[in-house]
Amino acid sequence: MKTFPYFSDPKPANARFAGRTMLVIGGGQAGGGADEPVGNGRAICLRLAAGGARVLCADRSAEAASHVVTDITSHGGIAFALTADIARPEDIRALFDGLAQRGIGIDGLVLNAGISDRKPLRDITPESWDTIFGVNLRGHALCAQAALPAMNSGGAIVFVSSLAAEMPAGRNPAYESSKAGLSALCRATALEAHPQDIRANIVRAGLIDTPMGRAASAARPGRAAGPLPFGRQGTAWDIANAVCFLLSDEAAYVNATELAVDGGLRHGIARAPAHGA
């Protein structure tokens, strides 16, 4: 069995997703520069593939989805690229209709898509608000709605949210509000999916070093300049590990729960970066 260079411990136990099909919405990442960090979606896809899953990598960018799929298949994994913009309800219908027509059931759904315009309240327009919510909340709801009939019993849904839902910075209210809305959506999904033995949970990301995180820091330099838990930002691998746990049988009794991956930042746990970091 081939191993993944980004999977540090390729032991037989890592085949915990063997025989399962996992759909990751927002799983793509086009090839960037050498210094570009791994994004959450790509890391999730790679971790799932390293665990033996058949990964369906869906993204609004065909190039981004194909890049991640090539990364997986070139190392012996199984993955397929799908294109869908979840801001468009017709794309969501087409995505899940296509799976149904091919008789493909899914065992796990990861909703990782998210956008932000970083507009303060004074600059928000109805159109800008609706654009953010159209992806971050409505798109997630419609994906969960469409996925439930396609999911195998014992499956799981994971919404990727943000610490901004709990600790808004006051500069990005549309994004922060949409992420807060995911909490209620997750609980509603878990309640409705329970009779099918399907779970729904949230991973709430803190300050994570991803392309989106770096863009946020560029727009607001103070975002990651202060003391941080363990003296660093988290990585996409930290998010991927949490997502994989919630999708796995190890979390079979974890439902309607929000798992914070923030190093304790929400509780004020932080320290200055190490000298020279």
C-alpha atoms as a PDB file:
ATOM      1  CA  MET A   1       0.000   0.000   0.000  1.00  0.00           C
ATOM      2  CA  LYS A   2       1.389   3.381  -0.974  1.00  0.00           C
ATOM      3  CA  THR A   3       1.693   6.006   1.709  1.00  0.00           C
ATOM      4  CA  PHE A   4       1.157   9.728   1.655  1.00  0.00           C
ATOM      5  CA  PRO A   5       4.092  12.034   2.344  1.00  0.00           C
ATOM      6  CA  TYR A   6       1.766  14.284   4.361  1.00  0.00           C
ATOM      7  CA  PHE A   7       0.425  11.412   6.469  1.00  0.00           C
ATOM      8  CA  SER A   8       2.958  10.882   9.205  1.00  0.00           C
ATOM      9  CA  ASP A   9       1.883   7.495  10.554  1.00  0.00           C
ATOM     10  CA  PRO A  10       0.759   5.133   7.748  1.00  0.00           C
ATOM     11  CA  LYS A  11      -0.081   2.064   9.844  1.00  0.00           C
ATOM     12  CA  PRO A  12      -2.868  -0.464   9.135  1.00  0.00           C
ATOM     13  CA  ALA A  13      -5.103   1.301  11.669  1.00  0.00           C
ATOM     14  CA  ASN A  14      -5.199   4.274   9.333  1.00  0.00           C
ATOM     15  CA  ALA A  15      -7.450   2.284   6.977  1.00  0.00           C
ATOM     16  CA  ARG A  16     -10.395   3.153   9.215  1.00  0.00           C
ATOM     17  CA  PHE A  17     -12.316   4.553   6.225  1.00  0.00           C
ATOM     18  CA  ALA A  18     -11.712   1.603   3.902  1.00  0.00           C
ATOM     19  CA  GLY A  19     -14.778   0.883   1.773  1.00  0.00           C
ATOM     20  CA  ARG A  20     -16.393   4.223   2.584  1.00  0.00           C
ATOM     21  CA  THR A  21     -17.221   7.094   0.279  1.00  0.00           C
ATOM     22  CA  MET A  22     -16.666  10.598   1.613  1.00  0.00           C
ATOM     23  CA  LEU A  23     -17.880  13.770  -0.100  1.00  0.00           C
ATOM     24  CA  VAL A  24     -15.958  16.931   0.729  1.00  0.00           C
ATOM     25  CA  ILE A  25     -17.597  20.178  -0.381  1.00  0.00           C
ATOM     26  CA  GLY A  26     -14.943  22.853  -0.713  1.00  0.00           C
ATOM     27  CA  GLY A  27     -12.190  20.270  -0.916  1.00  0.00           C
ATOM     28  CA  GLY A  28     -10.204  21.778  -3.751  1.00  0.00           C
ATOM     29  CA  GLN A  29      -6.991  23.780  -3.744  1.00  0.00           C
ATOM     30  CA  ALA A  30      -5.200  24.810  -6.894  1.00  0.00           C
ATOM     31  CA  GLY A  31      -1.446  24.623  -6.998  1.00  0.00           C
ATOM     32  CA  GLY A  32      -0.069  27.763  -5.403  1.00  0.00           C
ATOM     33  CA  GLY A  33       3.414  28.922  -4.646  1.00  0.00           C
ATOM     34  CA  ALA A  34       5.877  26.918  -2.615  1.00  0.00           C
ATOM     35  CA  ASP A  35       5.076  28.988   0.458  1.00  0.00           C
ATOM     36  CA  GLU A  36       1.288  28.567   0.235  1.00  0.00           C
ATOM     37  CA  PRO A  37      -0.045  26.607   3.205  1.00  0.00           C
ATOM     38  CA  VAL A  38      -2.344  23.641   2.835  1.00  0.00           C
ATOM     39  CA  GLY A  39      -6.023  24.575   2.993  1.00  0.00           C
ATOM     40  CA  ASN A  40      -8.550  22.836   5.227  1.00  0.00           C
ATOM     41  CA  GLY A  41     -10.397  21.168   2.355  1.00  0.00           C
ATOM     42  CA  ARG A  42      -7.286  19.722   0.777  1.00  0.00           C
ATOM     43  CA  ALA A  43      -5.969  18.472   4.109  1.00  0.00           C
ATOM     44  CA  ILE A  44      -9.315  16.807   4.865  1.00  0.00           C
ATOM     45  CA  CYS A  45      -9.359  15.071   1.484  1.00  0.00           C
ATOM     46  CA  LEU A  46      -5.787  13.832   1.898  1.00  0.00           C
ATOM     47  CA  ARG A  47      -6.371  12.539   5.418  1.00  0.00           C
ATOM     48  CA  LEU A  48      -9.524  10.695   4.339  1.00  0.00           C
ATOM     49  CA  ALA A  49      -7.759   9.155   1.361  1.00  0.00           C
ATOM     50  CA  ALA A  50      -4.853   8.101   3.549  1.00  0.00           C
ATOM     51  CA  GLY A  51      -7.437   6.360   5.735  1.00  0.00           C
ATOM     52  CA  GLY A  52      -8.655   4.302   2.790  1.00  0.00           C
ATOM     53  CA  ALA A  53     -11.730   6.319   1.799  1.00  0.00           C
ATOM     54  CA  ARG A  54     -12.940   6.901  -1.715  1.00  0.00           C
ATOM     55  CA  VAL A  55     -12.924  10.690  -1.759  1.00  0.00           C
ATOM     56  CA  LEU A  56     -15.301  12.814  -3.815  1.00  0.00           C
ATOM     57  CA  CYS A  57     -13.637  16.211  -3.912  1.00  0.00           C
ATOM     58  CA  ALA A  58     -16.167  18.882  -4.866  1.00  0.00           C
ATOM     59  CA  ASP A  59     -15.292  22.500  -5.460  1.00  0.00           C
ATOM     60  CA  ARG A  60     -16.602  25.448  -7.452  1.00  0.00           C
ATOM     61  CA  SER A  61     -13.241  25.424  -9.247  1.00  0.00           C
ATOM     62  CA  ALA A  62     -12.712  22.381 -11.454  1.00  0.00           C
ATOM     63  CA  GLU A  63      -8.979  23.108 -11.468  1.00  0.00           C
ATOM     64  CA  ALA A  64      -8.791  23.187  -7.671  1.00  0.00           C
ATOM     65  CA  ALA A  65     -10.704  19.916  -7.323  1.00  0.00           C
ATOM     66  CA  SER A  66      -8.617  18.194  -9.997  1.00  0.00           C
ATOM     67  CA  HIS A  67      -5.367  19.309  -8.372  1.00  0.00           C
ATOM     68  CA  VAL A  68      -6.288  17.645  -5.077  1.00  0.00           C
ATOM     69  CA  VAL A  69      -7.533  14.502  -6.820  1.00  0.00           C
ATOM     70  CA  THR A  70      -4.256  14.202  -8.727  1.00  0.00           C
ATOM     71  CA  ASP A  71      -2.390  14.622  -5.456  1.00  0.00           C
ATOM     72  CA  ILE A  72      -4.336  11.680  -4.015  1.00  0.00           C
ATOM     73  CA  THR A  73      -4.316   9.320  -6.987  1.00  0.00           C
ATOM     74  CA  SER A  74      -0.617   9.843  -7.662  1.00  0.00           C
ATOM     75  CA  HIS A  75       0.025   8.335  -4.235  1.00  0.00           C
ATOM     76  CA  GLY A  76      -2.262   5.354  -4.663  1.00  0.00           C
ATOM     77  CA  GLY A  77      -5.475   6.783  -3.246  1.00  0.00           C
ATOM     78  CA  ILE A  78      -8.935   6.808  -4.796  1.00  0.00           C
ATOM     79  CA  ALA A  79     -10.519  10.159  -5.553  1.00  0.00           C
ATOM     80  CA  PHE A  80     -12.774  11.869  -8.047  1.00  0.00           C
ATOM     81  CA  ALA A  81     -13.218  15.547  -8.849  1.00  0.00           C
ATOM     82  CA  LEU A  82     -16.672  17.133  -8.930  1.00  0.00           C
ATOM     83  CA  THR A  83     -17.598  20.708  -9.729  1.00  0.00           C
ATOM     84  CA  ALA A  84     -20.353  22.574  -7.910  1.00  0.00           C
ATOM     85  CA  ASP A  85     -20.864  26.099  -6.624  1.00  0.00           C
ATOM     86  CA  ILE A  86     -23.087  25.735  -3.573  1.00  0.00           C
ATOM     87  CA  ALA A  87     -24.180  29.354  -3.926  1.00  0.00           C
ATOM     88  CA  ARG A  88     -26.261  27.967  -6.817  1.00  0.00           C
ATOM     89  CA  PRO A  89     -29.096  25.636  -5.704  1.00  0.00           C
ATOM     90  CA  GLU A  90     -29.164  24.130  -9.201  1.00  0.00           C
ATOM     91  CA  ASP A  91     -25.521  23.061  -8.801  1.00  0.00           C
ATOM     92  CA  ILE A  92     -26.359  21.323  -5.543  1.00  0.00           C
ATOM     93  CA  ARG A  93     -29.263  19.472  -7.157  1.00  0.00           C
ATOM     94  CA  ALA A  94     -27.105  18.459 -10.106  1.00  0.00           C
ATOM     95  CA  LEU A  95     -24.329  17.210  -7.812  1.00  0.00           C
ATOM     96  CA  PHE A  96     -26.549  14.940  -5.754  1.00  0.00           C
ATOM     97  CA  ASP A  97     -28.715  13.874  -8.698  1.00  0.00           C
ATOM     98  CA  GLY A  98     -25.533  12.775 -10.431  1.00  0.00           C
ATOM     99  CA  LEU A  99     -24.531  10.645  -7.447  1.00  0.00           C
ATOM    100  CA  ALA A 100     -28.003   9.104  -7.281  1.00  0.00           C
ATOM    101  CA  GLN A 101     -28.003   8.277 -10.985  1.00  0.00           C
ATOM    102  CA  ARG A 102     -24.704   6.453 -10.536  1.00  0.00           C
ATOM    103  CA  GLY A 103     -26.000   4.599  -7.484  1.00  0.00           C
ATOM    104  CA  ILE A 104     -23.357   6.193  -5.263  1.00  0.00           C
ATOM    105  CA  GLY A 105     -24.232   6.356  -1.591  1.00  0.00           C
ATOM    106  CA  ILE A 106     -22.080   8.401   0.729  1.00  0.00           C
ATOM    107  CA  ASP A 107     -20.888   7.588   4.213  1.00  0.00           C
ATOM    108  CA  GLY A 108     -19.664  11.045   5.143  1.00  0.00           C
ATOM    109  CA  LEU A 109     -20.253  14.627   4.103  1.00  0.00           C
ATOM    110  CA  VAL A 110     -17.899  17.469   4.963  1.00  0.00           C
ATOM    111  CA  LEU A 111     -19.166  21.007   4.385  1.00  0.00           C
ATOM    112  CA  ASN A 112     -16.034  23.115   4.228  1.00  0.00           C
ATOM    113  CA  ALA A 113     -17.021  25.814   1.741  1.00  0.00           C
ATOM    114  CA  GLY A 114     -16.920  29.365   3.036  1.00  0.00           C
ATOM    115  CA  ILE A 115     -16.476  32.912   1.824  1.00  0.00           C
ATOM    116  CA  SER A 116     -15.925  36.292   3.448  1.00  0.00           C
ATOM    117  CA  ASP A 117     -15.989  39.882   2.224  1.00  0.00           C
ATOM    118  CA  ARG A 118     -14.607  41.471   5.432  1.00  0.00           C
ATOM    119  CA  LYS A 119     -17.082  44.340   5.284  1.00  0.00           C
ATOM    120  CA  PRO A 120     -17.858  46.138   8.533  1.00  0.00           C
ATOM    121  CA  LEU A 121     -21.506  46.670   9.408  1.00  0.00           C
ATOM    122  CA  ARG A 122     -21.528  50.190   7.984  1.00  0.00           C
ATOM    123  CA  ASP A 123     -20.561  48.884   4.535  1.00  0.00           C
ATOM    124  CA  ILE A 124     -22.889  45.882   4.290  1.00  0.00           C
ATOM    125  CA  THR A 125     -25.492  45.888   1.542  1.00  0.00           C
ATOM    126  CA  PRO A 126     -28.408  43.475   1.171  1.00  0.00           C
ATOM    127  CA  GLU A 127     -26.577  41.952  -1.773  1.00  0.00           C
ATOM    128  CA  SER A 128     -23.297  41.437   0.073  1.00  0.00           C
ATOM    129  CA  TRP A 129     -25.101  39.945   3.088  1.00  0.00           C
ATOM    130  CA  ASP A 130     -27.056  37.541   0.877  1.00  0.00           C
ATOM    131  CA  THR A 131     -23.898  36.508  -0.969  1.00  0.00           C
ATOM    132  CA  ILE A 132     -22.170  35.448   2.252  1.00  0.00           C
ATOM    133  CA  PHE A 133     -25.220  33.669   3.635  1.00  0.00           C
ATOM    134  CA  GLY A 134     -25.912  32.064   0.261  1.00  0.00           C
ATOM    135  CA  VAL A 135     -22.730  30.016   0.603  1.00  0.00           C
ATOM    136  CA  ASN A 136     -21.994  29.822   4.310  1.00  0.00           C
ATOM    137  CA  LEU A 137     -25.480  28.986   5.546  1.00  0.00           C
ATOM    138  CA  ARG A 138     -28.070  28.437   2.812  1.00  0.00           C
ATOM    139  CA  GLY A 139     -25.619  26.426   0.719  1.00  0.00           C
ATOM    140  CA  HIS A 140     -24.754  24.263   3.711  1.00  0.00           C
ATOM    141  CA  ALA A 141     -28.422  23.710   4.519  1.00  0.00           C
ATOM    142  CA  LEU A 142     -29.287  22.707   0.955  1.00  0.00           C
ATOM    143  CA  CYS A 143     -26.308  20.337   0.795  1.00  0.00           C
ATOM    144  CA  ALA A 144     -27.327  18.661   4.046  1.00  0.00           C
ATOM    145  CA  GLN A 145     -30.923  18.434   2.801  1.00  0.00           C
ATOM    146  CA  ALA A 146     -29.843  16.819  -0.454  1.00  0.00           C
ATOM    147  CA  ALA A 147     -27.322  14.520   1.211  1.00  0.00           C
ATOM    148  CA  LEU A 148     -29.586  12.818   3.727  1.00  0.00           C
ATOM    149  CA  PRO A 149     -31.435  10.651   1.169  1.00  0.00           C
ATOM    150  CA  ALA A 150     -28.067   9.696  -0.341  1.00  0.00           C
ATOM    151  CA  MET A 151     -26.351   8.801   2.931  1.00  0.00           C
ATOM    152  CA  ASN A 152     -25.817   5.306   4.216  1.00  0.00           C
ATOM    153  CA  SER A 153     -26.993   4.415   7.704  1.00  0.00           C
ATOM    154  CA  GLY A 154     -24.270   5.125  10.224  1.00  0.00           C
ATOM    155  CA  GLY A 155     -22.944   8.051   8.206  1.00  0.00           C
ATOM    156  CA  ALA A 156     -21.909  11.446   9.482  1.00  0.00           C
ATOM    157  CA  ILE A 157     -21.997  15.093   8.474  1.00  0.00           C
ATOM    158  CA  VAL A 158     -19.363  17.584   9.605  1.00  0.00           C
ATOM    159  CA  PHE A 159     -19.785  21.328   9.227  1.00  0.00           C
ATOM    160  CA  VAL A 160     -16.550  23.327   9.310  1.00  0.00           C
ATOM    161  CA  SER A 161     -17.226  26.524  11.231  1.00  0.00           C
ATOM    162  CA  SER A 162     -15.116  29.202  12.880  1.00  0.00           C
ATOM    163  CA  LEU A 163     -14.267  30.642  16.261  1.00  0.00           C
ATOM    164  CA  ALA A 164     -15.665  33.858  14.781  1.00  0.00           C
ATOM    165  CA  ALA A 165     -19.126  32.438  15.520  1.00  0.00           C
ATOM    166  CA  GLU A 166     -18.359  32.767  19.234  1.00  0.00           C
ATOM    167  CA  MET A 167     -15.749  35.532  19.280  1.00  0.00           C
ATOM    168  CA  PRO A 168     -16.595  38.087  16.584  1.00  0.00           C
ATOM    169  CA  ALA A 169     -13.921  40.657  15.869  1.00  0.00           C
ATOM    170  CA  GLY A 170     -16.505  43.275  14.951  1.00  0.00           C
ATOM    171  CA  ARG A 171     -15.163  43.751  11.435  1.00  0.00           C
ATOM    172  CA  ASN A 172     -16.843  40.947   9.536  1.00  0.00           C
ATOM    173  CA  PRO A 173     -20.425  40.586  10.789  1.00  0.00           C
ATOM    174  CA  ALA A 174     -21.891  38.786   7.773  1.00  0.00           C
ATOM    175  CA  TYR A 175     -19.268  36.037   7.978  1.00  0.00           C
ATOM    176  CA  GLU A 176     -19.479  35.838  11.768  1.00  0.00           C
ATOM    177  CA  SER A 177     -23.282  35.675  11.725  1.00  0.00           C
ATOM    178  CA  SER A 178     -23.321  32.996   9.043  1.00  0.00           C
ATOM    179  CA  LYS A 179     -20.947  30.847  11.066  1.00  0.00           C
ATOM    180  CA  ALA A 180     -23.055  31.338  14.188  1.00  0.00           C
ATOM    181  CA  GLY A 181     -26.042  30.148  12.182  1.00  0.00           C
ATOM    182  CA  LEU A 182     -24.279  26.866  11.479  1.00  0.00           C
ATOM    183  CA  SER A 183     -24.656  25.964  15.151  1.00  0.00           C
ATOM    184  CA  ALA A 184     -28.447  25.923  14.909  1.00  0.00           C
ATOM    185  CA  LEU A 185     -28.323  24.243  11.504  1.00  0.00           C
ATOM    186  CA  CYS A 186     -26.113  21.469  12.856  1.00  0.00           C
ATOM    187  CA  ARG A 187     -28.467  20.770  15.765  1.00  0.00           C
ATOM    188  CA  ALA A 188     -31.493  20.742  13.457  1.00  0.00           C
ATOM    189  CA  THR A 189     -29.702  18.406  11.051  1.00  0.00           C
ATOM    190  CA  ALA A 190     -28.699  16.045  13.850  1.00  0.00           C
ATOM    191  CA  LEU A 191     -32.283  15.913  15.106  1.00  0.00           C
ATOM    192  CA  GLU A 192     -33.727  15.194  11.668  1.00  0.00           C
ATOM    193  CA  ALA A 193     -31.005  12.718  10.671  1.00  0.00           C
ATOM    194  CA  HIS A 194     -31.087  10.734  13.908  1.00  0.00           C
ATOM    195  CA  PRO A 195     -33.751   8.227  12.753  1.00  0.00           C
ATOM    196  CA  GLN A 196     -31.410   7.281   9.880  1.00  0.00           C
ATOM    197  CA  ASP A 197     -28.544   6.715  12.341  1.00  0.00           C
ATOM    198  CA  ILE A 198     -26.722   9.679  10.829  1.00  0.00           C
ATOM    199  CA  ARG A 199     -24.808  12.107  13.020  1.00  0.00           C
ATOM    200  CA  ALA A 200     -24.068  15.802  12.497  1.00  0.00           C
ATOM    201  CA  ASN A 201     -21.324  17.771  14.244  1.00  0.00           C
ATOM    202  CA  ILE A 202     -19.267  20.936  13.874  1.00  0.00           C
ATOM    203  CA  VAL A 203     -15.532  21.582  13.873  1.00  0.00           C
ATOM    204  CA  ARG A 204     -15.009  25.161  14.985  1.00  0.00           C
ATOM    205  CA  ALA A 205     -11.633  26.389  13.735  1.00  0.00           C
ATOM    206  CA  GLY A 206      -9.559  28.962  15.584  1.00  0.00           C
ATOM    207  CA  LEU A 207      -6.665  30.883  14.067  1.00  0.00           C
ATOM    208  CA  ILE A 208      -5.481  28.493  11.370  1.00  0.00           C
ATOM    209  CA  ASP A 209      -2.646  29.056   8.903  1.00  0.00           C
ATOM    210  CA  THR A 210      -4.443  28.457   5.597  1.00  0.00           C
ATOM    211  CA  PRO A 211      -4.645  30.543   2.409  1.00  0.00           C
ATOM    212  CA  MET A 212      -7.909  32.055   3.646  1.00  0.00           C
ATOM    213  CA  GLY A 213      -6.373  32.655   7.066  1.00  0.00           C
ATOM    214  CA  ARG A 214      -3.383  34.455   5.544  1.00  0.00           C
ATOM    215  CA  ALA A 215      -5.705  36.619   3.464  1.00  0.00           C
ATOM    216  CA  ALA A 216      -7.593  37.542   6.628  1.00  0.00           C
ATOM    217  CA  SER A 217      -4.332  38.403   8.397  1.00  0.00           C
ATOM    218  CA  ALA A 218      -3.223  40.539   5.463  1.00  0.00           C
ATOM    219  CA  ALA A 219      -6.466  42.505   5.725  1.00  0.00           C
ATOM    220  CA  ARG A 220      -6.196  42.730   9.517  1.00  0.00           C
ATOM    221  CA  PRO A 221      -2.513  42.400  10.544  1.00  0.00           C
ATOM    222  CA  GLY A 222      -3.361  42.236  14.238  1.00  0.00           C
ATOM    223  CA  ARG A 223      -5.363  39.031  13.709  1.00  0.00           C
ATOM    224  CA  ALA A 224      -2.484  36.679  14.508  1.00  0.00           C
ATOM    225  CA  ALA A 225       0.095  39.126  15.817  1.00  0.00           C
ATOM    226  CA  GLY A 226      -0.704  38.755  19.504  1.00  0.00           C
ATOM    227  CA  PRO A 227      -0.154  35.879  21.901  1.00  0.00           C
ATOM    228  CA  LEU A 228      -1.419  32.543  20.577  1.00  0.00           C
ATOM    229  CA  PRO A 229      -2.000  29.130  22.167  1.00  0.00           C
ATOM    230  CA  PHE A 230       1.277  27.207  22.128  1.00  0.00           C
ATOM    231  CA  GLY A 231       2.862  30.257  20.504  1.00  0.00           C
ATOM    232  CA  ARG A 232       1.582  29.460  17.012  1.00  0.00           C
ATOM    233  CA  GLN A 233      -1.424  29.266  14.738  1.00  0.00           C
ATOM    234  CA  GLY A 234      -3.027  25.919  14.034  1.00  0.00           C
ATOM    235  CA  THR A 235      -2.655  24.135  10.705  1.00  0.00           C
ATOM    236  CA  ALA A 236      -5.097  22.591   8.274  1.00  0.00           C
ATOM    237  CA  TRP A 237      -3.905  19.182   9.474  1.00  0.00           C
ATOM    238  CA  ASP A 238      -5.256  20.001  12.944  1.00  0.00           C
ATOM    239  CA  ILE A 239      -8.662  20.681  11.379  1.00  0.00           C
ATOM    240  CA  ALA A 240      -8.476  17.571   9.196  1.00  0.00           C
ATOM    241  CA  ASN A 241      -7.659  15.346  12.160  1.00  0.00           C
ATOM    242  CA  ALA A 242     -10.701  16.635  14.047  1.00  0.00           C
ATOM    243  CA  VAL A 243     -12.965  16.178  11.017  1.00  0.00           C
ATOM    244  CA  CYS A 244     -11.733  12.627  10.500  1.00  0.00           C
ATOM    245  CA  PHE A 245     -12.404  11.802  14.136  1.00  0.00           C
ATOM    246  CA  LEU A 246     -16.001  13.019  13.868  1.00  0.00           C
ATOM    247  CA  LEU A 247     -16.514  11.021  10.663  1.00  0.00           C
ATOM    248  CA  SER A 248     -15.068   7.850  12.161  1.00  0.00           C
ATOM    249  CA  ASP A 249     -16.583   5.068  14.251  1.00  0.00           C
ATOM    250  CA  GLU A 250     -14.552   6.423  17.146  1.00  0.00           C
ATOM    251  CA  ALA A 251     -17.125   9.227  17.344  1.00  0.00           C
ATOM    252  CA  ALA A 252     -20.152   6.944  16.984  1.00  0.00           C
ATOM    253  CA  TYR A 253     -21.791   8.470  20.089  1.00  0.00           C
ATOM    254  CA  VAL A 254     -20.810  12.075  19.363  1.00  0.00           C
ATOM    255  CA  ASN A 255     -23.727  14.012  17.929  1.00  0.00           C
ATOM    256  CA  ALA A 256     -24.919  17.643  17.684  1.00  0.00           C
ATOM    257  CA  THR A 257     -21.593  18.717  19.176  1.00  0.00           C
ATOM    258  CA  GLU A 258     -19.169  21.541  18.383  1.00  0.00           C
ATOM    259  CA  LEU A 259     -15.520  20.552  18.610  1.00  0.00           C
ATOM    260  CA  ALA A 260     -13.320  23.625  18.956  1.00  0.00           C
ATOM    261  CA  VAL A 261      -9.865  23.360  17.395  1.00  0.00           C
ATOM    262  CA  ASP A 262      -8.402  26.626  18.645  1.00  0.00           C
ATOM    263  CA  GLY A 263      -5.769  25.653  21.197  1.00  0.00           C
ATOM    264  CA  GLY A 264      -7.987  27.079  23.937  1.00  0.00           C
ATOM    265  CA  LEU A 265      -7.976  30.602  22.511  1.00  0.00           C
ATOM    266  CA  ARG A 266     -11.672  31.075  23.289  1.00  0.00           C
ATOM    267  CA  HIS A 267     -10.836  30.575  26.971  1.00  0.00           C
ATOM    268  CA  GLY A 268      -7.965  33.044  26.915  1.00  0.00           C
ATOM    269  CA  ILE A 269      -5.240  30.424  26.739  1.00  0.00           C
ATOM    270  CA  ALA A 270      -2.367  32.004  24.819  1.00  0.00           C
ATOM    271  CA  ARG A 271       1.285  32.899  25.058  1.00  0.00           C
ATOM    272  CA  ALA A 272       3.769  34.987  23.142  1.00  0.00           C
ATOM    273  CA  PRO A 273       5.491  33.296  20.179  1.00  0.00           C
ATOM    274  CA  ALA A 274       8.766  31.583  20.933  1.00  0.00           C
ATOM    275  CA  HIS A 275      11.877  33.681  20.336  1.00  0.00           C
ATOM    276  CA  GLY A 276      12.791  33.605  16.668  1.00  0.00           C
ATOM    277  CA  ALA A 277       9.428  32.104  15.595  1.00  0.00           C
END
